[in-house]
Each structure stands twice: as structure tokens, then as C-alpha cells.
């Protein structure tokens, strides 16, 4: 697999989503991907979800206090569910309720690593 920055950039281009500079900076701290307190729109989270599905570089993901929208959270959780190296997921401060709770339960129950 390509390095994380190249893979993320390729996925952004493929999905016609702007590269988020703050995400690129966060890749410097891998295997912990700390995106806490960032504004992460659904299209960025869709790309990050796709990235998580194939990466072996992330063991911890924090999106604490991002106030993620329902669709953004859904995309991240789909990726987290498939990420075989992800062991820690921090979702604090995202007001998770309703349908998002079901997506969270599904990600946790279907993941082999979280």
C-alpha cells in the first residue's frame, strides 16, 4: 500500500473531495490518527472511511468533539468496522443518538479489532 498521505490524497481525488490540510498534518502522528476538534464534513469522512477500510497504519482514531453529522459518522464507522488494525475509537462529544447509535453498535459488533 502507498504511504498514508498519498493514499488519502488519491482517495480525495477519486471522490472529488478537497484534501483537508489538518488531516494531512494528523498523519504525522500515526499510528494514532487524532482528528479531535476538527470540522469534518461528510465528504471528508467518506474518504476517511474508505481510507480506514484498507489501511494498516492506524491503531487509534479520535474524532472527539468534532460534532459529526449523522452521515459523516456513518462513513467513519463503516471504515472503522473494516479496519483490522484499529483498536481504539474515541467518539466523545459527537452527540451520538438515534440511527447513529445503531451504526455504532454495528461497527463494534462486526469489528474484529475494536
PDB file of N, CA and C in Angstrom:
ATOM      1  N   UNK A   1       0.838  -1.185   0.000  1.00  0.00           N
ATOM      2  CA  UNK A   1       0.000   0.000   0.000  1.00  0.00           C
ATOM      3  C   UNK A   1       0.883   1.248   0.000  1.00  0.00           C
ATOM      4  N   UNK A   2       0.391   2.299  -0.635  1.00  0.00           N
ATOM      5  CA  UNK A   2       1.091   3.577  -0.666  1.00  0.00           C
ATOM      6  C   UNK A   2       1.148   4.176   0.739  1.00  0.00           C
ATOM      7  N   UNK A   3       2.001   5.179   0.881  1.00  0.00           N
ATOM      8  CA  UNK A   3       2.057   5.832   2.183  1.00  0.00           C
ATOM      9  C   UNK A   3       0.709   6.501   2.459  1.00  0.00           C
ATOM     10  N   UNK A   4       0.379   6.731   3.725  1.00  0.00           N
ATOM     11  CA  UNK A   4      -0.949   7.224   4.089  1.00  0.00           C
ATOM     12  C   UNK A   4      -1.345   8.543   3.418  1.00  0.00           C
ATOM     13  N   UNK A   5      -0.416   9.469   3.316  1.00  0.00           N
ATOM     14  CA  UNK A   5      -0.739  10.760   2.707  1.00  0.00           C
ATOM     15  C   UNK A   5      -1.092  10.579   1.232  1.00  0.00           C
ATOM     16  N   UNK A   6      -0.305   9.789   0.535  1.00  0.00           N
ATOM     17  CA  UNK A   6      -0.572   9.538  -0.885  1.00  0.00           C
ATOM     18  C   UNK A   6      -1.902   8.821  -1.072  1.00  0.00           C
ATOM     19  N   UNK A   7      -2.181   7.845  -0.222  1.00  0.00           N
ATOM     20  CA  UNK A   7      -3.432   7.093  -0.332  1.00  0.00           C
ATOM     21  C   UNK A   7      -4.631   7.997  -0.045  1.00  0.00           C
ATOM     22  N   UNK A   8      -4.544   8.812   0.996  1.00  0.00           N
ATOM     23  CA  UNK A   8      -5.620   9.746   1.325  1.00  0.00           C
ATOM     24  C   UNK A   8      -5.828  10.734   0.171  1.00  0.00           C
ATOM     25  N   UNK A   9      -4.753  11.273  -0.366  1.00  0.00           N
ATOM     26  CA  UNK A   9      -4.846  12.229  -1.466  1.00  0.00           C
ATOM     27  C   UNK A   9      -5.470  11.583  -2.705  1.00  0.00           C
ATOM     28  N   UNK A  10      -5.095  10.349  -2.990  1.00  0.00           N
ATOM     29  CA  UNK A  10      -5.651   9.628  -4.135  1.00  0.00           C
ATOM     30  C   UNK A  10      -7.158   9.425  -3.958  1.00  0.00           C
ATOM     31  N   UNK A  11      -7.563   9.035  -2.750  1.00  0.00           N
ATOM     32  CA  UNK A  11      -8.986   8.833  -2.480  1.00  0.00           C
ATOM     33  C   UNK A  11      -9.767  10.146  -2.575  1.00  0.00           C
ATOM     34  N   UNK A  12      -9.174  11.238  -2.113  1.00  0.00           N
ATOM     35  CA  UNK A  12      -9.825  12.547  -2.240  1.00  0.00           C
ATOM     36  C   UNK A  12     -10.053  12.883  -3.707  1.00  0.00           C
ATOM     37  N   UNK A  13      -9.024  12.664  -4.500  1.00  0.00           N
ATOM     38  CA  UNK A  13      -9.144  12.944  -5.929  1.00  0.00           C
ATOM     39  C   UNK A  13     -10.205  12.041  -6.562  1.00  0.00           C
ATOM     40  N   UNK A  14     -10.187  10.788  -6.223  1.00  0.00           N
ATOM     41  CA  UNK A  14     -11.137   9.813  -6.774  1.00  0.00           C
ATOM     42  C   UNK A  14     -12.586  10.185  -6.432  1.00  0.00           C
ATOM     43  N   UNK A  15     -12.803  10.705  -5.225  1.00  0.00           N
ATOM     44  CA  UNK A  15     -14.152  11.049  -4.775  1.00  0.00           C
ATOM     45  C   UNK A  15     -14.474  12.536  -4.957  1.00  0.00           C
ATOM     46  N   UNK A  16     -13.561  13.259  -5.628  1.00  0.00           N
ATOM     47  CA  UNK A  16     -13.750  14.702  -5.890  1.00  0.00           C
ATOM     48  C   UNK A  16     -14.027  15.470  -4.600  1.00  0.00           C
ATOM     49  N   UNK A  17     -13.199  15.185  -3.611  1.00  0.00           N
ATOM     50  CA  UNK A  17     -13.312  15.805  -2.295  1.00  0.00           C
ATOM     51  C   UNK A  17     -12.031  16.582  -2.007  1.00  0.00           C
ATOM     52  N   UNK A  18     -12.128  17.798  -1.528  1.00  0.00           N
ATOM     53  CA  UNK A  18     -10.909  18.564  -1.234  1.00  0.00           C
ATOM     54  C   UNK A  18     -10.053  17.881  -0.158  1.00  0.00           C
ATOM     55  N   UNK A  19      -8.753  17.906  -0.357  1.00  0.00           N
ATOM     56  CA  UNK A  19      -7.816  17.413   0.657  1.00  0.00           C
ATOM     57  C   UNK A  19      -7.865  18.380   1.835  1.00  0.00           C
ATOM     58  N   UNK A  20      -8.012  17.836   3.033  1.00  0.00           N
ATOM     59  CA  UNK A  20      -8.041  18.659   4.239  1.00  0.00           C
ATOM     60  C   UNK A  20      -6.632  18.734   4.823  1.00  0.00           C
ATOM     61  N   UNK A  21      -6.012  19.921   4.830  1.00  0.00           N
ATOM     62  CA  UNK A  21      -4.647  20.052   5.353  1.00  0.00           C
ATOM     63  C   UNK A  21      -4.492  19.541   6.787  1.00  0.00           C
ATOM     64  N   UNK A  22      -5.508  19.728   7.614  1.00  0.00           N
ATOM     65  CA  UNK A  22      -5.424  19.265   9.003  1.00  0.00           C
ATOM     66  C   UNK A  22      -5.345  17.745   9.080  1.00  0.00           C
ATOM     67  N   UNK A  23      -5.967  17.051   8.144  1.00  0.00           N
ATOM     68  CA  UNK A  23      -5.887  15.589   8.101  1.00  0.00           C
ATOM     69  C   UNK A  23      -4.470  15.179   7.706  1.00  0.00           C
ATOM     70  N   UNK A  24      -3.894  15.862   6.735  1.00  0.00           N
ATOM     71  CA  UNK A  24      -2.517  15.572   6.317  1.00  0.00           C
ATOM     72  C   UNK A  24      -1.566  15.737   7.506  1.00  0.00           C
ATOM     73  N   UNK A  25      -1.742  16.803   8.270  1.00  0.00           N
ATOM     74  CA  UNK A  25      -0.899  17.041   9.456  1.00  0.00           C
ATOM     75  C   UNK A  25      -1.083  15.913  10.467  1.00  0.00           C
ATOM     76  N   UNK A  26      -2.321  15.448  10.647  1.00  0.00           N
ATOM     77  CA  UNK A  26      -2.595  14.376  11.619  1.00  0.00           C
ATOM     78  C   UNK A  26      -1.903  13.073  11.245  1.00  0.00           C
ATOM     79  N   UNK A  27      -1.645  12.849   9.965  1.00  0.00           N
ATOM     80  CA  UNK A  27      -0.952  11.633   9.543  1.00  0.00           C
ATOM     81  C   UNK A  27       0.481  11.569  10.085  1.00  0.00           C
ATOM     82  N   UNK A  28       1.035  12.707  10.488  1.00  0.00           N
ATOM     83  CA  UNK A  28       2.391  12.722  11.060  1.00  0.00           C
ATOM     84  C   UNK A  28       2.460  11.975  12.382  1.00  0.00           C
ATOM     85  N   UNK A  29       1.310  11.760  13.025  1.00  0.00           N
ATOM     86  CA  UNK A  29       1.290  11.127  14.351  1.00  0.00           C
ATOM     87  C   UNK A  29       0.803   9.679  14.317  1.00  0.00           C
ATOM     88  N   UNK A  30       0.768   9.099  13.139  1.00  0.00           N
ATOM     89  CA  UNK A  30       0.342   7.694  13.050  1.00  0.00           C
ATOM     90  C   UNK A  30       1.277   6.811  13.857  1.00  0.00           C
ATOM     91  N   UNK A  31       0.774   5.772  14.497  1.00  0.00           N
ATOM     92  CA  UNK A  31      -0.473   5.061  14.245  1.00  0.00           C
ATOM     93  C   UNK A  31      -1.704   5.674  14.919  1.00  0.00           C
ATOM     94  N   UNK A  32      -1.537   6.786  15.665  1.00  0.00           N
ATOM     95  CA  UNK A  32      -2.703   7.453  16.246  1.00  0.00           C
ATOM     96  C   UNK A  32      -3.158   8.536  15.272  1.00  0.00           C
ATOM     97  N   UNK A  33      -4.382   8.431  14.805  1.00  0.00           N
ATOM     98  CA  UNK A  33      -4.958   9.436  13.916  1.00  0.00           C
ATOM     99  C   UNK A  33      -5.905  10.287  14.757  1.00  0.00           C
ATOM    100  N   UNK A  34      -5.400  11.431  15.187  1.00  0.00           N
ATOM    101  CA  UNK A  34      -6.154  12.307  16.081  1.00  0.00           C
ATOM    102  C   UNK A  34      -6.737  13.466  15.284  1.00  0.00           C
ATOM    103  N   UNK A  35      -8.031  13.393  15.048  1.00  0.00           N
ATOM    104  CA  UNK A  35      -8.743  14.423  14.300  1.00  0.00           C
ATOM    105  C   UNK A  35      -9.675  15.208  15.221  1.00  0.00           C
ATOM    106  N   UNK A  36      -9.415  15.152  16.516  1.00  0.00           N
ATOM    107  CA  UNK A  36     -10.260  15.805  17.513  1.00  0.00           C
ATOM    108  C   UNK A  36     -10.421  17.285  17.220  1.00  0.00           C
ATOM    109  N   UNK A  37     -11.625  17.763  17.454  1.00  0.00           N
ATOM    110  CA  UNK A  37     -12.000  19.171  17.356  1.00  0.00           C
ATOM    111  C   UNK A  37     -11.892  19.744  15.942  1.00  0.00           C
ATOM    112  N   UNK A  38     -11.795  18.877  14.933  1.00  0.00           N
ATOM    113  CA  UNK A  38     -11.778  19.364  13.557  1.00  0.00           C
ATOM    114  C   UNK A  38     -13.199  19.385  13.006  1.00  0.00           C
ATOM    115  N   UNK A  39     -13.422  20.259  12.064  1.00  0.00           N
ATOM    116  CA  UNK A  39     -14.678  20.272  11.329  1.00  0.00           C
ATOM    117  C   UNK A  39     -14.524  19.304  10.168  1.00  0.00           C
ATOM    118  N   UNK A  40     -15.223  18.188  10.241  1.00  0.00           N
ATOM    119  CA  UNK A  40     -15.091  17.131   9.242  1.00  0.00           C
ATOM    120  C   UNK A  40     -16.428  16.941   8.517  1.00  0.00           C
ATOM    121  N   UNK A  41     -16.539  17.508   7.308  1.00  0.00           N
ATOM    122  CA  UNK A  41     -17.783  17.323   6.556  1.00  0.00           C
ATOM    123  C   UNK A  41     -17.958  15.880   6.107  1.00  0.00           C
ATOM    124  N   UNK A  42     -19.167  15.541   5.712  1.00  0.00           N
ATOM    125  CA  UNK A  42     -19.489  14.165   5.330  1.00  0.00           C
ATOM    126  C   UNK A  42     -18.613  13.656   4.191  1.00  0.00           C
ATOM    127  N   UNK A  43     -18.304  14.506   3.212  1.00  0.00           N
ATOM    128  CA  UNK A  43     -17.481  14.024   2.094  1.00  0.00           C
ATOM    129  C   UNK A  43     -16.072  13.677   2.545  1.00  0.00           C
ATOM    130  N   UNK A  44     -15.524  14.433   3.473  1.00  0.00           N
ATOM    131  CA  UNK A  44     -14.206  14.106   4.025  1.00  0.00           C
ATOM    132  C   UNK A  44     -14.278  12.811   4.820  1.00  0.00           C
ATOM    133  N   UNK A  45     -15.326  12.636   5.597  1.00  0.00           N
ATOM    134  CA  UNK A  45     -15.485  11.410   6.378  1.00  0.00           C
ATOM    135  C   UNK A  45     -15.701  10.195   5.479  1.00  0.00           C
ATOM    136  N   UNK A  46     -16.334  10.393   4.337  1.00  0.00           N
ATOM    137  CA  UNK A  46     -16.490   9.288   3.392  1.00  0.00           C
ATOM    138  C   UNK A  46     -15.118   8.829   2.902  1.00  0.00           C
ATOM    139  N   UNK A  47     -14.258   9.780   2.558  1.00  0.00           N
ATOM    140  CA  UNK A  47     -12.904   9.447   2.121  1.00  0.00           C
ATOM    141  C   UNK A  47     -12.121   8.794   3.257  1.00  0.00           C
ATOM    142  N   UNK A  48     -12.232   9.344   4.455  1.00  0.00           N
ATOM    143  CA  UNK A  48     -11.529   8.751   5.597  1.00  0.00           C
ATOM    144  C   UNK A  48     -12.039   7.342   5.888  1.00  0.00           C
ATOM    145  N   UNK A  49     -13.319   7.124   5.728  1.00  0.00           N
ATOM    146  CA  UNK A  49     -13.871   5.782   5.901  1.00  0.00           C
ATOM    147  C   UNK A  49     -13.280   4.808   4.894  1.00  0.00           C
ATOM    148  N   UNK A  50     -13.174   5.233   3.640  1.00  0.00           N
ATOM    149  CA  UNK A  50     -12.554   4.383   2.603  1.00  0.00           C
ATOM    150  C   UNK A  50     -11.090   4.131   2.936  1.00  0.00           C
ATOM    151  N   UNK A  51     -10.410   5.153   3.425  1.00  0.00           N
ATOM    152  CA  UNK A  51      -9.011   5.022   3.822  1.00  0.00           C
ATOM    153  C   UNK A  51      -8.871   3.985   4.939  1.00  0.00           C
ATOM    154  N   UNK A  52      -9.733   4.069   5.944  1.00  0.00           N
ATOM    155  CA  UNK A  52      -9.670   3.140   7.075  1.00  0.00           C
ATOM    156  C   UNK A  52      -9.901   1.694   6.650  1.00  0.00           C
ATOM    157  N   UNK A  53     -10.721   1.497   5.639  1.00  0.00           N
ATOM    158  CA  UNK A  53     -11.032   0.135   5.184  1.00  0.00           C
ATOM    159  C   UNK A  53      -9.808  -0.604   4.665  1.00  0.00           C
ATOM    160  N   UNK A  54      -8.807   0.120   4.196  1.00  0.00           N
ATOM    161  CA  UNK A  54      -7.655  -0.538   3.581  1.00  0.00           C
ATOM    162  C   UNK A  54      -6.331  -0.297   4.289  1.00  0.00           C
ATOM    163  N   UNK A  55      -6.295   0.623   5.223  1.00  0.00           N
ATOM    164  CA  UNK A  55      -5.013   0.963   5.848  1.00  0.00           C
ATOM    165  C   UNK A  55      -4.598  -0.038   6.917  1.00  0.00           C
ATOM    166  N   UNK A  56      -3.310  -0.144   7.109  1.00  0.00           N
ATOM    167  CA  UNK A  56      -2.752  -0.887   8.239  1.00  0.00           C
ATOM    168  C   UNK A  56      -1.937   0.059   9.117  1.00  0.00           C
ATOM    169  N   UNK A  57      -2.084   1.348   8.882  1.00  0.00           N
ATOM    170  CA  UNK A  57      -1.280   2.356   9.577  1.00  0.00           C
ATOM    171  C   UNK A  57      -1.960   2.952  10.811  1.00  0.00           C
ATOM    172  N   UNK A  58      -3.240   2.668  11.031  1.00  0.00           N
ATOM    173  CA  UNK A  58      -3.990   3.323  12.109  1.00  0.00           C
ATOM    174  C   UNK A  58      -4.376   2.301  13.176  1.00  0.00           C
ATOM    175  N   UNK A  59      -3.963   2.568  14.413  1.00  0.00           N
ATOM    176  CA  UNK A  59      -4.381   1.727  15.537  1.00  0.00           C
ATOM    177  C   UNK A  59      -5.338   2.471  16.466  1.00  0.00           C
ATOM    178  N   UNK A  60      -5.300   3.810  16.413  1.00  0.00           N
ATOM    179  CA  UNK A  60      -6.176   4.625  17.249  1.00  0.00           C
ATOM    180  C   UNK A  60      -6.773   5.736  16.393  1.00  0.00           C
ATOM    181  N   UNK A  61      -8.063   5.961  16.549  1.00  0.00           N
ATOM    182  CA  UNK A  61      -8.742   7.047  15.841  1.00  0.00           C
ATOM    183  C   UNK A  61      -9.516   7.864  16.850  1.00  0.00           C
ATOM    184  N   UNK A  62      -9.276   9.165  16.856  1.00  0.00           N
ATOM    185  CA  UNK A  62     -10.034  10.063  17.711  1.00  0.00           C
ATOM    186  C   UNK A  62     -10.695  11.134  16.855  1.00  0.00           C
ATOM    187  N   UNK A  63     -12.004  11.197  16.965  1.00  0.00           N
ATOM    188  CA  UNK A  63     -12.781  12.274  16.358  1.00  0.00           C
ATOM    189  C   UNK A  63     -13.593  12.957  17.463  1.00  0.00           C
ATOM    190  N   UNK A  64     -12.973  13.056  18.624  1.00  0.00           N
ATOM    191  CA  UNK A  64     -13.624  13.655  19.792  1.00  0.00           C
ATOM    192  C   UNK A  64     -13.951  15.120  19.521  1.00  0.00           C
ATOM    193  N   UNK A  65     -15.117  15.521  19.952  1.00  0.00           N
ATOM    194  CA  UNK A  65     -15.566  16.913  19.893  1.00  0.00           C
ATOM    195  C   UNK A  65     -15.560  17.492  18.476  1.00  0.00           C
ATOM    196  N   UNK A  66     -15.863  16.662  17.493  1.00  0.00           N
ATOM    197  CA  UNK A  66     -15.971  17.119  16.100  1.00  0.00           C
ATOM    198  C   UNK A  66     -17.404  17.489  15.724  1.00  0.00           C
ATOM    199  N   UNK A  67     -18.358  17.162  16.570  1.00  0.00           N
ATOM    200  CA  UNK A  67     -19.769  17.403  16.287  1.00  0.00           C
ATOM    201  C   UNK A  67     -20.143  16.871  14.906  1.00  0.00           C
ATOM    202  N   UNK A  68     -19.799  15.608  14.694  1.00  0.00           N
ATOM    203  CA  UNK A  68     -20.028  14.972  13.397  1.00  0.00           C
ATOM    204  C   UNK A  68     -21.516  14.869  13.080  1.00  0.00           C
ATOM    205  N   UNK A  69     -21.840  15.144  11.836  1.00  0.00           N
ATOM    206  CA  UNK A  69     -23.207  14.937  11.360  1.00  0.00           C
ATOM    207  C   UNK A  69     -23.450  13.442  11.229  1.00  0.00           C
ATOM    208  N   UNK A  70     -24.708  13.066  11.195  1.00  0.00           N
ATOM    209  CA  UNK A  70     -25.098  11.661  11.141  1.00  0.00           C
ATOM    210  C   UNK A  70     -24.428  10.934   9.974  1.00  0.00           C
ATOM    211  N   UNK A  71     -24.444  11.512   8.797  1.00  0.00           N
ATOM    212  CA  UNK A  71     -23.866  10.875   7.611  1.00  0.00           C
ATOM    213  C   UNK A  71     -22.343  10.756   7.732  1.00  0.00           C
ATOM    214  N   UNK A  72     -21.699  11.772   8.272  1.00  0.00           N
ATOM    215  CA  UNK A  72     -20.244  11.744   8.464  1.00  0.00           C
ATOM    216  C   UNK A  72     -19.857  10.613   9.418  1.00  0.00           C
ATOM    217  N   UNK A  73     -20.578  10.489  10.509  1.00  0.00           N
ATOM    218  CA  UNK A  73     -20.307   9.430  11.481  1.00  0.00           C
ATOM    219  C   UNK A  73     -20.516   8.059  10.851  1.00  0.00           C
ATOM    220  N   UNK A  74     -21.565   7.927  10.067  1.00  0.00           N
ATOM    221  CA  UNK A  74     -21.846   6.656   9.391  1.00  0.00           C
ATOM    222  C   UNK A  74     -20.663   6.226   8.522  1.00  0.00           C
ATOM    223  N   UNK A  75     -20.110   7.153   7.743  1.00  0.00           N
ATOM    224  CA  UNK A  75     -18.971   6.826   6.874  1.00  0.00           C
ATOM    225  C   UNK A  75     -17.748   6.411   7.690  1.00  0.00           C
ATOM    226  N   UNK A  76     -17.468   7.142   8.750  1.00  0.00           N
ATOM    227  CA  UNK A  76     -16.309   6.794   9.584  1.00  0.00           C
ATOM    228  C   UNK A  76     -16.485   5.429  10.241  1.00  0.00           C
ATOM    229  N   UNK A  77     -17.673   5.161  10.718  1.00  0.00           N
ATOM    230  CA  UNK A  77     -17.909   3.880  11.382  1.00  0.00           C
ATOM    231  C   UNK A  77     -17.841   2.709  10.409  1.00  0.00           C
ATOM    232  N   UNK A  78     -18.279   2.913   9.174  1.00  0.00           N
ATOM    233  CA  UNK A  78     -18.146   1.860   8.168  1.00  0.00           C
ATOM    234  C   UNK A  78     -16.675   1.534   7.936  1.00  0.00           C
ATOM    235  N   UNK A  79     -15.845   2.560   7.876  1.00  0.00           N
ATOM    236  CA  UNK A  79     -14.410   2.333   7.716  1.00  0.00           C
ATOM    237  C   UNK A  79     -13.784   1.702   8.937  1.00  0.00           C
ATOM    238  N   UNK A  80     -14.178   2.176  10.114  1.00  0.00           N
ATOM    239  CA  UNK A  80     -13.629   1.633  11.366  1.00  0.00           C
ATOM    240  C   UNK A  80     -13.955   0.158  11.509  1.00  0.00           C
ATOM    241  N   UNK A  81     -15.145  -0.220  11.092  1.00  0.00           N
ATOM    242  CA  UNK A  81     -15.574  -1.621  11.184  1.00  0.00           C
ATOM    243  C   UNK A  81     -14.656  -2.535  10.371  1.00  0.00           C
ATOM    244  N   UNK A  82     -14.155  -2.058   9.250  1.00  0.00           N
ATOM    245  CA  UNK A  82     -13.323  -2.870   8.359  1.00  0.00           C
ATOM    246  C   UNK A  82     -11.822  -2.748   8.630  1.00  0.00           C
ATOM    247  N   UNK A  83     -11.427  -1.814   9.472  1.00  0.00           N
ATOM    248  CA  UNK A  83     -10.001  -1.577   9.735  1.00  0.00           C
ATOM    249  C   UNK A  83      -9.478  -2.619  10.721  1.00  0.00           C
ATOM    250  N   UNK A  84      -8.669  -3.530  10.227  1.00  0.00           N
ATOM    251  CA  UNK A  84      -8.209  -4.651  11.055  1.00  0.00           C
ATOM    252  C   UNK A  84      -7.182  -4.254  12.110  1.00  0.00           C
ATOM    253  N   UNK A  85      -6.599  -3.069  11.998  1.00  0.00           N
ATOM    254  CA  UNK A  85      -5.577  -2.657  12.958  1.00  0.00           C
ATOM    255  C   UNK A  85      -6.104  -1.658  13.986  1.00  0.00           C
ATOM    256  N   UNK A  86      -7.334  -1.176  13.824  1.00  0.00           N
ATOM    257  CA  UNK A  86      -7.898  -0.173  14.723  1.00  0.00           C
ATOM    258  C   UNK A  86      -8.338  -0.828  16.031  1.00  0.00           C
ATOM    259  N   UNK A  87      -7.765  -0.344  17.136  1.00  0.00           N
ATOM    260  CA  UNK A  87      -8.080  -0.903  18.455  1.00  0.00           C
ATOM    261  C   UNK A  87      -8.805   0.095  19.353  1.00  0.00           C
ATOM    262  N   UNK A  88      -8.619   1.392  19.094  1.00  0.00           N
ATOM    263  CA  UNK A  88      -9.197   2.416  19.945  1.00  0.00           C
ATOM    264  C   UNK A  88      -9.940   3.432  19.092  1.00  0.00           C
ATOM    265  N   UNK A  89     -11.170   3.720  19.479  1.00  0.00           N
ATOM    266  CA  UNK A  89     -12.014   4.668  18.756  1.00  0.00           C
ATOM    267  C   UNK A  89     -12.598   5.638  19.775  1.00  0.00           C
ATOM    268  N   UNK A  90     -12.261   6.920  19.658  1.00  0.00           N
ATOM    269  CA  UNK A  90     -12.753   7.945  20.577  1.00  0.00           C
ATOM    270  C   UNK A  90     -13.770   8.806  19.840  1.00  0.00           C
ATOM    271  N   UNK A  91     -15.027   8.733  20.289  1.00  0.00           N
ATOM    272  CA  UNK A  91     -16.124   9.472  19.672  1.00  0.00           C
ATOM    273  C   UNK A  91     -16.734  10.505  20.625  1.00  0.00           C
ATOM    274  N   UNK A  92     -16.076  10.792  21.715  1.00  0.00           N
ATOM    275  CA  UNK A  92     -16.587  11.709  22.735  1.00  0.00           C
ATOM    276  C   UNK A  92     -17.017  13.045  22.111  1.00  0.00           C
ATOM    277  N   UNK A  93     -18.128  13.559  22.569  1.00  0.00           N
ATOM    278  CA  UNK A  93     -18.556  14.892  22.170  1.00  0.00           C
ATOM    279  C   UNK A  93     -19.158  14.981  20.783  1.00  0.00           C
ATOM    280  N   UNK A  94     -19.765  13.899  20.310  1.00  0.00           N
ATOM    281  CA  UNK A  94     -20.375  13.923  18.984  1.00  0.00           C
ATOM    282  C   UNK A  94     -21.887  13.752  19.016  1.00  0.00           C
ATOM    283  N   UNK A  95     -22.495  13.829  20.208  1.00  0.00           N
ATOM    284  CA  UNK A  95     -23.941  13.786  20.352  1.00  0.00           C
ATOM    285  C   UNK A  95     -24.550  12.626  19.558  1.00  0.00           C
ATOM    286  N   UNK A  96     -24.052  11.438  19.824  1.00  0.00           N
ATOM    287  CA  UNK A  96     -24.496  10.249  19.100  1.00  0.00           C
ATOM    288  C   UNK A  96     -25.828   9.776  19.681  1.00  0.00           C
ATOM    289  N   UNK A  97     -26.820   9.670  18.793  1.00  0.00           N
ATOM    290  CA  UNK A  97     -28.149   9.214  19.217  1.00  0.00           C
ATOM    291  C   UNK A  97     -28.914   8.688  18.001  1.00  0.00           C
ATOM    292  N   UNK A  98     -30.050   8.065  18.257  1.00  0.00           N
ATOM    293  CA  UNK A  98     -30.906   7.580  17.179  1.00  0.00           C
ATOM    294  C   UNK A  98     -30.203   6.599  16.258  1.00  0.00           C
ATOM    295  N   UNK A  99     -30.338   6.838  14.969  1.00  0.00           N
ATOM    296  CA  UNK A  99     -29.766   5.948  13.957  1.00  0.00           C
ATOM    297  C   UNK A  99     -28.243   5.818  14.099  1.00  0.00           C
ATOM    298  N   UNK A 100     -27.589   6.872  14.533  1.00  0.00           N
ATOM    299  CA  UNK A 100     -26.136   6.823  14.720  1.00  0.00           C
ATOM    300  C   UNK A 100     -25.742   5.788  15.769  1.00  0.00           C
ATOM    301  N   UNK A 101     -26.581   5.605  16.770  1.00  0.00           N
ATOM    302  CA  UNK A 101     -26.326   4.592  17.797  1.00  0.00           C
ATOM    303  C   UNK A 101     -26.319   3.200  17.175  1.00  0.00           C
ATOM    304  N   UNK A 102     -27.228   2.972  16.260  1.00  0.00           N
ATOM    305  CA  UNK A 102     -27.275   1.673  15.569  1.00  0.00           C
ATOM    306  C   UNK A 102     -26.031   1.454  14.707  1.00  0.00           C
ATOM    307  N   UNK A 103     -25.560   2.503  14.042  1.00  0.00           N
ATOM    308  CA  UNK A 103     -24.338   2.385  13.240  1.00  0.00           C
ATOM    309  C   UNK A 103     -23.137   2.079  14.136  1.00  0.00           C
ATOM    310  N   UNK A 104     -23.090   2.719  15.291  1.00  0.00           N
ATOM    311  CA  UNK A 104     -22.014   2.478  16.244  1.00  0.00           C
ATOM    312  C   UNK A 104     -22.052   1.031  16.750  1.00  0.00           C
ATOM    313  N   UNK A 105     -23.222   0.562  17.123  1.00  0.00           N
ATOM    314  CA  UNK A 105     -23.358  -0.811  17.608  1.00  0.00           C
ATOM    315  C   UNK A 105     -22.951  -1.807  16.535  1.00  0.00           C
ATOM    316  N   UNK A 106     -23.335  -1.553  15.303  1.00  0.00           N
ATOM    317  CA  UNK A 106     -22.972  -2.434  14.201  1.00  0.00           C
ATOM    318  C   UNK A 106     -21.463  -2.460  13.990  1.00  0.00           C
ATOM    319  N   UNK A 107     -20.836  -1.296  14.036  1.00  0.00           N
ATOM    320  CA  UNK A 107     -19.379  -1.231  13.842  1.00  0.00           C
ATOM    321  C   UNK A 107     -18.646  -1.997  14.925  1.00  0.00           C
ATOM    322  N   UNK A 108     -19.083  -1.844  16.156  1.00  0.00           N
ATOM    323  CA  UNK A 108     -18.416  -2.529  17.268  1.00  0.00           C
ATOM    324  C   UNK A 108     -18.649  -4.024  17.211  1.00  0.00           C
ATOM    325  N   UNK A 109     -19.866  -4.424  16.932  1.00  0.00           N
ATOM    326  CA  UNK A 109     -20.165  -5.859  16.926  1.00  0.00           C
ATOM    327  C   UNK A 109     -19.542  -6.600  15.745  1.00  0.00           C
ATOM    328  N   UNK A 110     -19.364  -5.922  14.634  1.00  0.00           N
ATOM    329  CA  UNK A 110     -18.808  -6.582  13.438  1.00  0.00           C
ATOM    330  C   UNK A 110     -17.307  -6.458  13.317  1.00  0.00           C
ATOM    331  N   UNK A 111     -16.706  -5.600  14.110  1.00  0.00           N
ATOM    332  CA  UNK A 111     -15.252  -5.412  14.049  1.00  0.00           C
ATOM    333  C   UNK A 111     -14.531  -6.532  14.783  1.00  0.00           C
ATOM    334  N   UNK A 112     -13.431  -6.951  14.240  1.00  0.00           N
ATOM    335  CA  UNK A 112     -12.599  -7.954  14.903  1.00  0.00           C
ATOM    336  C   UNK A 112     -11.540  -7.328  15.794  1.00  0.00           C
ATOM    337  N   UNK A 113     -11.426  -6.006  15.765  1.00  0.00           N
ATOM    338  CA  UNK A 113     -10.327  -5.390  16.499  1.00  0.00           C
ATOM    339  C   UNK A 113     -10.751  -4.326  17.502  1.00  0.00           C
ATOM    340  N   UNK A 114     -11.871  -3.664  17.295  1.00  0.00           N
ATOM    341  CA  UNK A 114     -12.275  -2.581  18.221  1.00  0.00           C
ATOM    342  C   UNK A 114     -12.806  -3.201  19.509  1.00  0.00           C
TER     343      UNK A 114
END
